């Protein structure tokens, strides 16, 4: 679906346009082209709520510089000022991610539950991060449900197996080995590249009856 020209455009935007830098903060790593495409399209080609769009830059820059408390304060201001607009929702997303970095998973979960974004990539991330918070809080049943929900939203070769894998891990925590085995086996059969990266066979072996 996405050719080399699209990937090149995204990489150029990553270097030259600070809006796209948000995408790398979401995952904590360089974003593959297929995910980058969604965010690039969202921030560059679908401008909306003009007054709110730029409001998250300061919070994002503080977060990228590991100035966690400053990022939290700035993001909270953006949420309060632009609640319900794109900029406010992105500020709330950044606020949640930064709270997670501080280990404040209950507060982060509350913020994530209030984030409303139509973008495909970001909406998957919001659900998956809620699962991460629940997992850190040892609410494994809730985490599993969220990971499975995220895996079904915008099915693709990146976020789908990632969330299925997380779901399988917390399923093990619930001592549901048979179901975990089924999830690992599904990953092996349907997402071989991801399975190879994760050495999924060892997870299959340990959950096999």
N, C-alpha and C. Protein backbone atom coordinates (compact mmCIF):
# COMPACT_ATOMS: atom_id res chain seq x y z
N UNK A 1 0.83 -1.20 0.00
CA UNK A 1 0.00 0.00 0.00
C UNK A 1 0.87 1.25 0.00
N UNK A 2 1.97 1.22 0.74
CA UNK A 2 2.82 2.40 0.86
C UNK A 2 4.13 2.13 0.14
N UNK A 3 4.42 2.92 -0.85
CA UNK A 3 5.62 2.69 -1.64
C UNK A 3 6.79 3.47 -1.07
N UNK A 4 7.95 3.37 -1.75
CA UNK A 4 9.16 4.01 -1.27
C UNK A 4 9.05 5.52 -1.26
N UNK A 5 8.27 6.07 -2.19
CA UNK A 5 8.11 7.52 -2.23
C UNK A 5 7.41 8.01 -0.98
N UNK A 6 6.36 7.29 -0.57
CA UNK A 6 5.65 7.68 0.65
C UNK A 6 6.57 7.59 1.86
N UNK A 7 7.33 6.52 1.95
CA UNK A 7 8.25 6.36 3.07
C UNK A 7 9.29 7.48 3.06
N UNK A 8 9.78 7.83 1.86
CA UNK A 8 10.77 8.91 1.77
C UNK A 8 10.17 10.22 2.26
N UNK A 9 8.93 10.50 1.84
CA UNK A 9 8.27 11.72 2.27
C UNK A 9 8.13 11.77 3.78
N UNK A 10 7.78 10.62 4.36
CA UNK A 10 7.61 10.59 5.81
C UNK A 10 8.95 10.82 6.52
N UNK A 11 10.01 10.19 6.01
CA UNK A 11 11.31 10.36 6.65
C UNK A 11 11.79 11.81 6.54
N UNK A 12 11.51 12.44 5.41
CA UNK A 12 11.87 13.85 5.26
C UNK A 12 11.07 14.70 6.25
N UNK A 13 9.79 14.36 6.40
CA UNK A 13 8.96 15.10 7.34
C UNK A 13 9.44 14.90 8.76
N UNK A 14 9.91 13.70 9.06
CA UNK A 14 10.41 13.41 10.39
C UNK A 14 11.59 14.29 10.74
N UNK A 15 12.41 14.59 9.72
CA UNK A 15 13.58 15.44 9.95
C UNK A 15 13.22 16.91 9.99
N UNK A 16 12.25 17.31 9.19
CA UNK A 16 12.01 18.73 8.96
C UNK A 16 10.76 19.29 9.62
N UNK A 17 9.85 18.43 10.04
CA UNK A 17 8.57 18.93 10.56
C UNK A 17 8.37 18.42 11.97
N UNK A 18 8.33 19.33 12.93
CA UNK A 18 8.26 18.90 14.32
C UNK A 18 6.93 18.27 14.68
N UNK A 19 5.91 18.47 13.87
CA UNK A 19 4.64 17.81 14.13
C UNK A 19 4.82 16.29 14.10
N UNK A 20 5.62 15.81 13.15
CA UNK A 20 5.76 14.38 12.96
C UNK A 20 6.57 13.76 14.09
N UNK A 21 7.30 14.56 14.85
CA UNK A 21 8.09 14.03 15.94
C UNK A 21 7.23 13.38 17.01
N UNK A 22 5.98 13.78 17.10
CA UNK A 22 5.07 13.16 18.05
C UNK A 22 4.99 11.66 17.82
N UNK A 23 5.03 11.26 16.58
CA UNK A 23 4.87 9.85 16.24
C UNK A 23 5.97 9.02 16.88
N UNK A 24 7.21 9.51 16.85
CA UNK A 24 8.31 8.75 17.42
C UNK A 24 8.21 8.68 18.93
N UNK A 25 7.61 9.68 19.54
CA UNK A 25 7.44 9.65 21.00
C UNK A 25 6.40 8.62 21.41
N UNK A 26 5.41 8.41 20.58
CA UNK A 26 4.34 7.48 20.91
C UNK A 26 4.90 6.09 21.16
N UNK A 27 5.73 5.61 20.24
CA UNK A 27 6.23 4.26 20.36
C UNK A 27 7.58 4.15 21.01
N UNK A 28 8.26 5.26 21.17
CA UNK A 28 9.58 5.24 21.78
C UNK A 28 10.65 4.73 20.84
N UNK A 29 10.37 4.68 19.56
CA UNK A 29 11.35 4.18 18.59
C UNK A 29 11.02 4.75 17.23
N UNK A 30 11.92 4.55 16.26
CA UNK A 30 11.66 4.99 14.90
C UNK A 30 10.46 4.23 14.36
N UNK A 31 9.52 4.91 13.78
CA UNK A 31 8.27 4.30 13.34
C UNK A 31 8.42 3.75 11.94
N UNK A 32 7.93 2.55 11.73
CA UNK A 32 7.96 1.96 10.40
C UNK A 32 7.04 2.74 9.48
N UNK A 33 7.27 2.62 8.20
CA UNK A 33 6.56 3.46 7.24
C UNK A 33 5.06 3.31 7.31
N UNK A 34 4.57 2.09 7.51
CA UNK A 34 3.12 1.89 7.47
C UNK A 34 2.44 2.62 8.62
N UNK A 35 3.07 2.68 9.79
CA UNK A 35 2.48 3.42 10.90
C UNK A 35 2.73 4.91 10.73
N UNK A 36 3.89 5.23 10.24
CA UNK A 36 4.21 6.62 10.02
C UNK A 36 3.25 7.26 9.04
N UNK A 37 2.81 6.50 8.08
CA UNK A 37 1.89 7.03 7.07
C UNK A 37 0.61 7.57 7.72
N UNK A 38 0.05 6.81 8.66
CA UNK A 38 -1.20 7.24 9.29
C UNK A 38 -1.01 8.57 10.02
N UNK A 39 0.06 8.65 10.79
CA UNK A 39 0.29 9.86 11.57
C UNK A 39 0.66 11.03 10.66
N UNK A 40 1.46 10.75 9.64
CA UNK A 40 1.84 11.81 8.69
C UNK A 40 0.59 12.38 8.02
N UNK A 41 -0.28 11.48 7.61
CA UNK A 41 -1.52 11.90 6.96
C UNK A 41 -2.38 12.71 7.94
N UNK A 42 -2.40 12.26 9.17
CA UNK A 42 -3.25 12.91 10.19
C UNK A 42 -2.79 14.33 10.48
N UNK A 43 -1.49 14.50 10.70
CA UNK A 43 -1.00 15.80 11.13
C UNK A 43 -0.74 16.76 9.97
N UNK A 44 -0.39 16.23 8.81
CA UNK A 44 -0.01 17.10 7.70
C UNK A 44 -1.18 17.37 6.77
N UNK A 45 -1.94 16.35 6.44
CA UNK A 45 -2.94 16.49 5.40
C UNK A 45 -4.36 16.69 5.92
N UNK A 46 -4.56 16.54 7.21
CA UNK A 46 -5.91 16.74 7.73
C UNK A 46 -5.91 17.79 8.84
N UNK A 47 -5.46 19.00 8.55
CA UNK A 47 -5.43 20.04 9.58
C UNK A 47 -6.83 20.40 10.04
N UNK A 48 -6.96 20.59 11.34
CA UNK A 48 -8.26 20.95 11.91
C UNK A 48 -8.01 21.64 13.23
N UNK A 49 -9.02 22.37 13.70
CA UNK A 49 -8.90 23.06 14.97
C UNK A 49 -7.59 23.85 15.03
N UNK A 50 -7.45 24.80 14.14
CA UNK A 50 -6.18 25.49 13.92
C UNK A 50 -5.55 26.03 15.21
N UNK A 51 -6.36 26.62 16.07
CA UNK A 51 -5.79 27.25 17.26
C UNK A 51 -5.23 26.23 18.24
N UNK A 52 -5.68 24.99 18.17
CA UNK A 52 -5.24 23.98 19.13
C UNK A 52 -4.07 23.15 18.62
N UNK A 53 -3.85 23.17 17.30
CA UNK A 53 -2.91 22.21 16.71
C UNK A 53 -1.50 22.32 17.26
N UNK A 54 -1.04 23.54 17.49
CA UNK A 54 0.34 23.74 17.91
C UNK A 54 0.53 23.66 19.42
N UNK A 55 -0.54 23.39 20.14
CA UNK A 55 -0.48 23.53 21.60
C UNK A 55 0.33 22.44 22.28
N UNK A 56 0.58 21.33 21.59
CA UNK A 56 1.29 20.23 22.24
C UNK A 56 2.80 20.27 22.05
N UNK A 57 3.31 21.23 21.23
CA UNK A 57 4.74 21.26 20.93
C UNK A 57 5.60 21.35 22.18
N UNK A 58 5.25 22.25 23.07
CA UNK A 58 6.07 22.46 24.26
C UNK A 58 6.10 21.21 25.13
N UNK A 59 4.96 20.61 25.36
CA UNK A 59 4.90 19.39 26.17
C UNK A 59 5.70 18.27 25.52
N UNK A 60 5.58 18.15 24.21
CA UNK A 60 6.31 17.12 23.49
C UNK A 60 7.81 17.33 23.59
N UNK A 61 8.26 18.56 23.44
CA UNK A 61 9.68 18.86 23.53
C UNK A 61 10.23 18.59 24.92
N UNK A 62 9.46 18.94 25.96
CA UNK A 62 9.90 18.62 27.32
C UNK A 62 9.98 17.12 27.53
N UNK A 63 8.99 16.39 27.02
CA UNK A 63 8.99 14.94 27.16
C UNK A 63 10.18 14.32 26.44
N UNK A 64 10.46 14.81 25.24
CA UNK A 64 11.58 14.27 24.46
C UNK A 64 12.91 14.55 25.14
N UNK A 65 12.97 15.62 25.94
CA UNK A 65 14.19 15.98 26.66
C UNK A 65 14.23 15.36 28.06
N UNK A 66 13.29 14.46 28.34
CA UNK A 66 13.20 13.80 29.64
C UNK A 66 12.94 14.77 30.79
N UNK A 67 12.36 15.93 30.48
CA UNK A 67 11.94 16.87 31.52
C UNK A 67 10.49 16.53 31.87
N UNK A 68 10.34 15.44 32.62
CA UNK A 68 9.04 14.83 32.83
C UNK A 68 8.06 15.77 33.51
N UNK A 69 8.48 16.39 34.60
CA UNK A 69 7.56 17.25 35.34
C UNK A 69 7.12 18.46 34.53
N UNK A 70 8.06 19.04 33.77
CA UNK A 70 7.69 20.17 32.92
C UNK A 70 6.73 19.72 31.82
N UNK A 71 6.96 18.53 31.28
CA UNK A 71 6.07 17.99 30.24
C UNK A 71 4.66 17.80 30.80
N UNK A 72 4.58 17.28 32.01
CA UNK A 72 3.27 17.06 32.63
C UNK A 72 2.55 18.38 32.84
N UNK A 73 3.25 19.36 33.38
CA UNK A 73 2.62 20.67 33.63
C UNK A 73 2.14 21.31 32.33
N UNK A 74 2.98 21.25 31.29
CA UNK A 74 2.62 21.86 30.01
C UNK A 74 1.46 21.13 29.36
N UNK A 75 1.48 19.81 29.43
CA UNK A 75 0.40 19.03 28.82
C UNK A 75 -0.92 19.29 29.54
N UNK A 76 -0.88 19.40 30.85
CA UNK A 76 -2.11 19.68 31.60
C UNK A 76 -2.70 21.03 31.21
N UNK A 77 -1.84 22.00 30.98
CA UNK A 77 -2.33 23.31 30.53
C UNK A 77 -3.02 23.18 29.18
N UNK A 78 -2.40 22.40 28.30
CA UNK A 78 -2.97 22.21 26.97
C UNK A 78 -4.31 21.49 27.01
N UNK A 79 -4.42 20.50 27.90
CA UNK A 79 -5.68 19.77 28.04
C UNK A 79 -6.78 20.70 28.52
N UNK A 80 -6.46 21.50 29.52
CA UNK A 80 -7.46 22.41 30.09
C UNK A 80 -7.91 23.45 29.08
N UNK A 81 -6.97 23.97 28.31
CA UNK A 81 -7.28 25.05 27.38
C UNK A 81 -7.99 24.56 26.13
N UNK A 82 -7.62 23.38 25.66
CA UNK A 82 -8.14 22.91 24.37
C UNK A 82 -8.89 21.58 24.49
N UNK A 83 -9.52 21.34 25.61
CA UNK A 83 -10.27 20.11 25.80
C UNK A 83 -11.32 19.93 24.70
N UNK A 84 -11.35 18.75 24.12
CA UNK A 84 -12.31 18.47 23.06
C UNK A 84 -11.82 18.78 21.67
N UNK A 85 -10.70 19.48 21.56
CA UNK A 85 -10.11 19.77 20.26
C UNK A 85 -8.89 18.87 20.05
N UNK A 86 -8.42 18.80 18.82
CA UNK A 86 -7.32 17.90 18.51
C UNK A 86 -6.11 18.17 19.40
N UNK A 87 -5.74 19.45 19.53
CA UNK A 87 -4.59 19.78 20.36
C UNK A 87 -4.75 19.34 21.80
N UNK A 88 -5.96 19.50 22.34
CA UNK A 88 -6.23 19.08 23.71
C UNK A 88 -6.13 17.58 23.87
N UNK A 89 -6.63 16.86 22.87
CA UNK A 89 -6.58 15.39 22.95
C UNK A 89 -5.15 14.88 22.87
N UNK A 90 -4.34 15.51 22.02
CA UNK A 90 -2.94 15.09 21.90
C UNK A 90 -2.17 15.44 23.17
N UNK A 91 -2.46 16.60 23.73
CA UNK A 91 -1.85 16.95 25.02
C UNK A 91 -2.21 15.92 26.09
N UNK A 92 -3.44 15.47 26.08
CA UNK A 92 -3.86 14.46 27.06
C UNK A 92 -3.14 13.14 26.83
N UNK A 93 -2.92 12.81 25.56
CA UNK A 93 -2.17 11.60 25.24
C UNK A 93 -0.73 11.71 25.76
N UNK A 94 -0.08 12.84 25.50
CA UNK A 94 1.28 13.06 25.98
C UNK A 94 1.32 13.03 27.50
N UNK A 95 0.34 13.64 28.12
CA UNK A 95 0.25 13.64 29.58
C UNK A 95 0.20 12.21 30.10
N UNK A 96 -0.63 11.38 29.49
CA UNK A 96 -0.76 9.99 29.92
C UNK A 96 0.56 9.23 29.76
N UNK A 97 1.19 9.41 28.60
CA UNK A 97 2.47 8.71 28.36
C UNK A 97 3.54 9.14 29.36
N UNK A 98 3.55 10.42 29.69
CA UNK A 98 4.55 10.93 30.62
C UNK A 98 4.27 10.44 32.04
N UNK A 99 3.01 10.37 32.41
CA UNK A 99 2.65 9.82 33.72
C UNK A 99 3.05 8.35 33.82
N UNK A 100 2.94 7.62 32.73
CA UNK A 100 3.39 6.23 32.71
C UNK A 100 4.88 6.14 32.97
N UNK A 101 5.64 7.06 32.40
CA UNK A 101 7.08 7.05 32.61
C UNK A 101 7.44 7.30 34.08
N UNK A 102 6.56 8.00 34.78
CA UNK A 102 6.77 8.26 36.20
C UNK A 102 6.23 7.12 37.07
N UNK A 103 5.62 6.14 36.45
CA UNK A 103 5.06 5.03 37.20
C UNK A 103 3.70 5.31 37.79
N UNK A 104 3.05 6.40 37.34
CA UNK A 104 1.72 6.76 37.85
C UNK A 104 0.65 6.16 36.94
N UNK A 105 0.51 4.85 37.03
CA UNK A 105 -0.31 4.13 36.06
C UNK A 105 -1.81 4.38 36.24
N UNK A 106 -2.25 4.56 37.47
CA UNK A 106 -3.67 4.85 37.68
C UNK A 106 -4.05 6.19 37.06
N UNK A 107 -3.21 7.19 37.29
CA UNK A 107 -3.48 8.51 36.72
C UNK A 107 -3.37 8.49 35.20
N UNK A 108 -2.38 7.75 34.70
CA UNK A 108 -2.20 7.64 33.25
C UNK A 108 -3.41 6.96 32.61
N UNK A 109 -3.91 5.92 33.25
CA UNK A 109 -5.07 5.20 32.74
C UNK A 109 -6.28 6.12 32.65
N UNK A 110 -6.47 6.92 33.69
CA UNK A 110 -7.59 7.86 33.70
C UNK A 110 -7.50 8.84 32.53
N UNK A 111 -6.29 9.33 32.26
CA UNK A 111 -6.11 10.26 31.14
C UNK A 111 -6.35 9.56 29.80
N UNK A 112 -5.83 8.37 29.65
CA UNK A 112 -6.00 7.63 28.39
C UNK A 112 -7.47 7.34 28.11
N UNK A 113 -8.22 7.06 29.15
CA UNK A 113 -9.64 6.78 28.97
C UNK A 113 -10.42 8.00 28.49
N UNK A 114 -9.82 9.18 28.67
CA UNK A 114 -10.48 10.41 28.21
C UNK A 114 -10.03 10.89 26.85
N UNK A 115 -9.03 10.22 26.26
CA UNK A 115 -8.51 10.64 24.96
C UNK A 115 -9.46 10.18 23.86
N UNK A 116 -9.87 11.10 23.01
CA UNK A 116 -10.77 10.78 21.89
C UNK A 116 -10.13 11.28 20.59
N UNK A 117 -9.56 10.35 19.83
CA UNK A 117 -8.93 10.68 18.56
C UNK A 117 -9.42 9.73 17.48
N UNK A 118 -9.69 10.27 16.30
CA UNK A 118 -10.20 9.46 15.21
C UNK A 118 -9.09 8.75 14.43
N UNK A 119 -7.88 9.26 14.54
CA UNK A 119 -6.78 8.69 13.77
C UNK A 119 -6.59 7.21 14.10
N UNK A 120 -6.42 6.39 13.07
CA UNK A 120 -6.35 4.95 13.23
C UNK A 120 -5.19 4.52 14.12
N UNK A 121 -3.99 5.01 13.82
CA UNK A 121 -2.81 4.61 14.57
C UNK A 121 -2.90 5.04 16.03
N UNK A 122 -3.25 6.30 16.26
CA UNK A 122 -3.29 6.81 17.62
C UNK A 122 -4.39 6.13 18.44
N UNK A 123 -5.51 5.83 17.82
CA UNK A 123 -6.60 5.19 18.57
C UNK A 123 -6.21 3.79 19.01
N UNK A 124 -5.43 3.08 18.19
CA UNK A 124 -4.91 1.77 18.59
C UNK A 124 -3.94 1.93 19.75
N UNK A 125 -3.06 2.93 19.65
CA UNK A 125 -2.08 3.17 20.71
C UNK A 125 -2.76 3.48 22.04
N UNK A 126 -3.83 4.26 22.00
CA UNK A 126 -4.55 4.62 23.22
C UNK A 126 -5.08 3.37 23.92
N UNK A 127 -5.65 2.45 23.16
CA UNK A 127 -6.20 1.22 23.74
C UNK A 127 -5.08 0.34 24.29
N UNK A 128 -4.03 0.18 23.51
CA UNK A 128 -2.91 -0.67 23.92
C UNK A 128 -2.23 -0.13 25.17
N UNK A 129 -2.06 1.18 25.26
CA UNK A 129 -1.43 1.78 26.43
C UNK A 129 -2.31 1.62 27.67
N UNK A 130 -3.62 1.64 27.48
CA UNK A 130 -4.51 1.34 28.61
C UNK A 130 -4.25 -0.08 29.11
N UNK A 131 -4.04 -0.98 28.17
CA UNK A 131 -3.69 -2.35 28.55
C UNK A 131 -2.38 -2.40 29.32
N UNK A 132 -1.40 -1.61 28.90
CA UNK A 132 -0.12 -1.56 29.60
C UNK A 132 -0.31 -1.08 31.04
N UNK A 133 -1.13 -0.06 31.21
CA UNK A 133 -1.39 0.46 32.56
C UNK A 133 -2.05 -0.61 33.43
N UNK A 134 -3.05 -1.27 32.89
CA UNK A 134 -3.74 -2.30 33.66
C UNK A 134 -2.79 -3.45 34.00
N UNK A 135 -1.92 -3.79 33.08
CA UNK A 135 -0.95 -4.84 33.34
C UNK A 135 0.00 -4.45 34.47
N UNK A 136 0.48 -3.20 34.42
CA UNK A 136 1.38 -2.73 35.47
C UNK A 136 0.68 -2.70 36.83
N UNK A 137 -0.63 -2.48 36.81
CA UNK A 137 -1.43 -2.49 38.04
C UNK A 137 -1.86 -3.90 38.44
N UNK A 138 -1.38 -4.89 37.67
CA UNK A 138 -1.68 -6.31 37.90
C UNK A 138 -3.16 -6.64 37.71
N UNK A 139 -3.83 -5.83 36.93
CA UNK A 139 -5.22 -6.13 36.54
C UNK A 139 -5.17 -6.86 35.20
N UNK A 140 -4.77 -8.11 35.27
CA UNK A 140 -4.44 -8.83 34.04
C UNK A 140 -5.66 -9.15 33.18
N UNK A 141 -6.79 -9.39 33.80
CA UNK A 141 -8.00 -9.67 33.02
C UNK A 141 -8.38 -8.46 32.18
N UNK A 142 -8.36 -7.28 32.81
CA UNK A 142 -8.69 -6.05 32.09
C UNK A 142 -7.65 -5.76 31.01
N UNK A 143 -6.38 -6.01 31.33
CA UNK A 143 -5.31 -5.79 30.35
C UNK A 143 -5.50 -6.69 29.13
N UNK A 144 -5.82 -7.93 29.37
CA UNK A 144 -6.04 -8.88 28.28
C UNK A 144 -7.15 -8.41 27.35
N UNK A 145 -8.26 -7.97 27.93
CA UNK A 145 -9.39 -7.51 27.12
C UNK A 145 -8.99 -6.32 26.26
N UNK A 146 -8.20 -5.42 26.82
CA UNK A 146 -7.78 -4.23 26.08
C UNK A 146 -6.81 -4.59 24.96
N UNK A 147 -5.88 -5.49 25.24
CA UNK A 147 -4.92 -5.90 24.20
C UNK A 147 -5.64 -6.59 23.05
N UNK A 148 -6.60 -7.44 23.36
CA UNK A 148 -7.36 -8.11 22.31
C UNK A 148 -8.18 -7.11 21.50
N UNK A 149 -8.73 -6.13 22.20
CA UNK A 149 -9.48 -5.07 21.50
C UNK A 149 -8.57 -4.30 20.56
N UNK A 150 -7.38 -3.96 21.04
CA UNK A 150 -6.41 -3.22 20.20
C UNK A 150 -5.97 -4.05 19.01
N UNK A 151 -5.85 -5.37 19.20
CA UNK A 151 -5.39 -6.24 18.11
C UNK A 151 -6.40 -6.31 16.97
N UNK A 152 -7.66 -6.06 17.29
CA UNK A 152 -8.72 -6.16 16.28
C UNK A 152 -8.97 -4.84 15.56
N UNK A 153 -8.38 -3.76 16.07
CA UNK A 153 -8.61 -2.45 15.48
C UNK A 153 -7.53 -2.18 14.44
N UNK A 154 -7.93 -1.92 13.22
CA UNK A 154 -6.98 -1.67 12.14
C UNK A 154 -5.96 -2.80 12.03
N UNK A 155 -6.41 -3.97 11.69
CA UNK A 155 -5.55 -5.15 11.60
C UNK A 155 -4.41 -4.91 10.63
N UNK A 156 -3.18 -5.15 11.11
CA UNK A 156 -1.98 -4.97 10.28
C UNK A 156 -0.87 -5.83 10.84
N UNK A 157 0.28 -5.84 10.16
CA UNK A 157 1.38 -6.72 10.54
C UNK A 157 2.24 -6.16 11.67
N UNK A 158 1.93 -5.01 12.17
CA UNK A 158 2.71 -4.39 13.23
C UNK A 158 1.97 -4.42 14.57
N UNK A 159 0.90 -3.63 14.66
CA UNK A 159 0.23 -3.50 15.96
C UNK A 159 -0.60 -4.73 16.32
N UNK A 160 -1.10 -5.45 15.31
CA UNK A 160 -1.92 -6.63 15.63
C UNK A 160 -1.13 -7.70 16.35
N UNK A 161 0.01 -8.17 15.80
CA UNK A 161 0.76 -9.19 16.54
C UNK A 161 1.35 -8.68 17.85
N UNK A 162 1.72 -7.40 17.90
CA UNK A 162 2.24 -6.84 19.15
C UNK A 162 1.21 -6.96 20.27
N UNK A 163 -0.03 -6.63 19.96
CA UNK A 163 -1.07 -6.68 20.97
C UNK A 163 -1.53 -8.11 21.26
N UNK A 164 -1.50 -8.97 20.27
CA UNK A 164 -1.77 -10.38 20.53
C UNK A 164 -0.71 -10.97 21.45
N UNK A 165 0.53 -10.57 21.25
CA UNK A 165 1.63 -11.05 22.09
C UNK A 165 1.46 -10.58 23.53
N UNK A 166 1.12 -9.31 23.70
CA UNK A 166 0.88 -8.78 25.05
C UNK A 166 -0.30 -9.50 25.69
N UNK A 167 -1.33 -9.75 24.89
CA UNK A 167 -2.50 -10.47 25.41
C UNK A 167 -2.10 -11.87 25.88
N UNK A 168 -1.26 -12.53 25.11
CA UNK A 168 -0.81 -13.87 25.48
C UNK A 168 -0.01 -13.85 26.78
N UNK A 169 0.84 -12.85 26.95
CA UNK A 169 1.66 -12.77 28.17
C UNK A 169 0.79 -12.61 29.41
N UNK A 170 -0.21 -11.72 29.33
CA UNK A 170 -1.07 -11.54 30.51
C UNK A 170 -2.01 -12.73 30.69
N UNK A 171 -2.32 -13.42 29.61
CA UNK A 171 -3.12 -14.64 29.72
C UNK A 171 -2.37 -15.69 30.52
N UNK A 172 -1.06 -15.75 30.32
CA UNK A 172 -0.23 -16.63 31.15
C UNK A 172 -0.30 -16.23 32.62
N UNK A 173 -0.29 -14.92 32.87
CA UNK A 173 -0.37 -14.43 34.24
C UNK A 173 -1.67 -14.89 34.91
N UNK A 174 -2.69 -15.09 34.09
CA UNK A 174 -3.99 -15.55 34.58
C UNK A 174 -4.05 -17.08 34.68
N UNK A 175 -2.91 -17.71 34.42
CA UNK A 175 -2.82 -19.18 34.45
C UNK A 175 -3.75 -19.84 33.44
N UNK A 176 -3.95 -19.17 32.32
CA UNK A 176 -4.77 -19.72 31.24
C UNK A 176 -3.84 -20.15 30.10
N UNK A 177 -3.09 -21.20 30.38
CA UNK A 177 -2.03 -21.60 29.45
C UNK A 177 -2.55 -22.07 28.10
N UNK A 178 -3.68 -22.74 28.11
CA UNK A 178 -4.23 -23.24 26.85
C UNK A 178 -4.58 -22.09 25.91
N UNK A 179 -5.16 -21.05 26.48
CA UNK A 179 -5.53 -19.89 25.66
C UNK A 179 -4.29 -19.12 25.22
N UNK A 180 -3.31 -19.03 26.10
CA UNK A 180 -2.05 -18.37 25.74
C UNK A 180 -1.38 -19.12 24.60
N UNK A 181 -1.39 -20.45 24.69
CA UNK A 181 -0.83 -21.28 23.62
C UNK A 181 -1.51 -20.99 22.29
N UNK A 182 -2.82 -20.85 22.30
CA UNK A 182 -3.57 -20.55 21.07
C UNK A 182 -3.16 -19.20 20.50
N UNK A 183 -2.95 -18.21 21.36
CA UNK A 183 -2.55 -16.89 20.89
C UNK A 183 -1.14 -16.91 20.31
N UNK A 184 -0.23 -17.57 20.98
CA UNK A 184 1.14 -17.67 20.46
C UNK A 184 1.16 -18.42 19.13
N UNK A 185 0.37 -19.47 19.04
CA UNK A 185 0.30 -20.26 17.81
C UNK A 185 -0.29 -19.43 16.68
N UNK A 186 -1.28 -18.63 17.00
CA UNK A 186 -1.87 -17.75 15.99
C UNK A 186 -0.83 -16.77 15.46
N UNK A 187 -0.05 -16.20 16.36
CA UNK A 187 1.01 -15.28 15.94
C UNK A 187 2.00 -15.98 15.01
N UNK A 188 2.38 -17.20 15.38
CA UNK A 188 3.33 -17.96 14.56
C UNK A 188 2.77 -18.22 13.16
N UNK A 189 1.50 -18.54 13.07
CA UNK A 189 0.89 -18.89 11.79
C UNK A 189 0.55 -17.68 10.93
N UNK A 190 0.08 -16.60 11.57
CA UNK A 190 -0.42 -15.46 10.81
C UNK A 190 0.58 -14.32 10.67
N UNK A 191 1.55 -14.26 11.58
CA UNK A 191 2.50 -13.14 11.56
C UNK A 191 3.93 -13.68 11.73
N UNK A 192 4.41 -14.42 10.73
CA UNK A 192 5.70 -15.10 10.85
C UNK A 192 6.89 -14.17 11.09
N UNK A 193 6.87 -12.98 10.52
CA UNK A 193 8.00 -12.06 10.74
C UNK A 193 8.07 -11.62 12.20
N UNK A 194 6.95 -11.26 12.75
CA UNK A 194 6.92 -10.88 14.16
C UNK A 194 7.28 -12.08 15.04
N UNK A 195 6.76 -13.25 14.68
CA UNK A 195 7.03 -14.47 15.45
C UNK A 195 8.52 -14.77 15.48
N UNK A 196 9.18 -14.56 14.35
CA UNK A 196 10.63 -14.79 14.28
C UNK A 196 11.39 -13.81 15.16
N UNK A 197 10.99 -12.55 15.14
CA UNK A 197 11.64 -11.53 15.96
C UNK A 197 11.51 -11.82 17.44
N UNK A 198 10.39 -12.38 17.83
CA UNK A 198 10.13 -12.65 19.25
C UNK A 198 10.51 -14.07 19.68
N UNK A 199 11.06 -14.84 18.74
CA UNK A 199 11.38 -16.25 19.04
C UNK A 199 10.15 -16.91 19.68
N UNK A 200 9.04 -16.83 18.97
CA UNK A 200 7.75 -17.22 19.54
C UNK A 200 7.68 -18.70 19.89
N UNK A 201 8.54 -19.50 19.29
CA UNK A 201 8.50 -20.95 19.56
C UNK A 201 8.75 -21.28 21.02
N UNK A 202 9.56 -20.47 21.70
CA UNK A 202 9.82 -20.76 23.12
C UNK A 202 8.58 -20.49 23.97
N UNK A 203 7.77 -19.53 23.55
CA UNK A 203 6.54 -19.25 24.28
C UNK A 203 5.51 -20.34 24.02
N UNK A 204 5.51 -20.85 22.80
CA UNK A 204 4.63 -21.97 22.48
C UNK A 204 5.00 -23.19 23.29
N UNK A 205 6.30 -23.44 23.40
CA UNK A 205 6.76 -24.62 24.14
C UNK A 205 6.38 -24.56 25.62
N UNK A 206 6.49 -23.38 26.21
CA UNK A 206 6.24 -23.30 27.65
C UNK A 206 4.75 -23.31 28.00
N UNK A 207 3.90 -23.09 27.01
CA UNK A 207 2.46 -23.11 27.28
C UNK A 207 1.79 -24.36 26.73
N UNK A 208 2.56 -25.21 26.10
CA UNK A 208 2.02 -26.42 25.49
C UNK A 208 1.76 -27.47 26.56
N UNK A 209 0.60 -28.07 26.53
CA UNK A 209 0.25 -29.08 27.53
C UNK A 209 1.06 -30.37 27.31
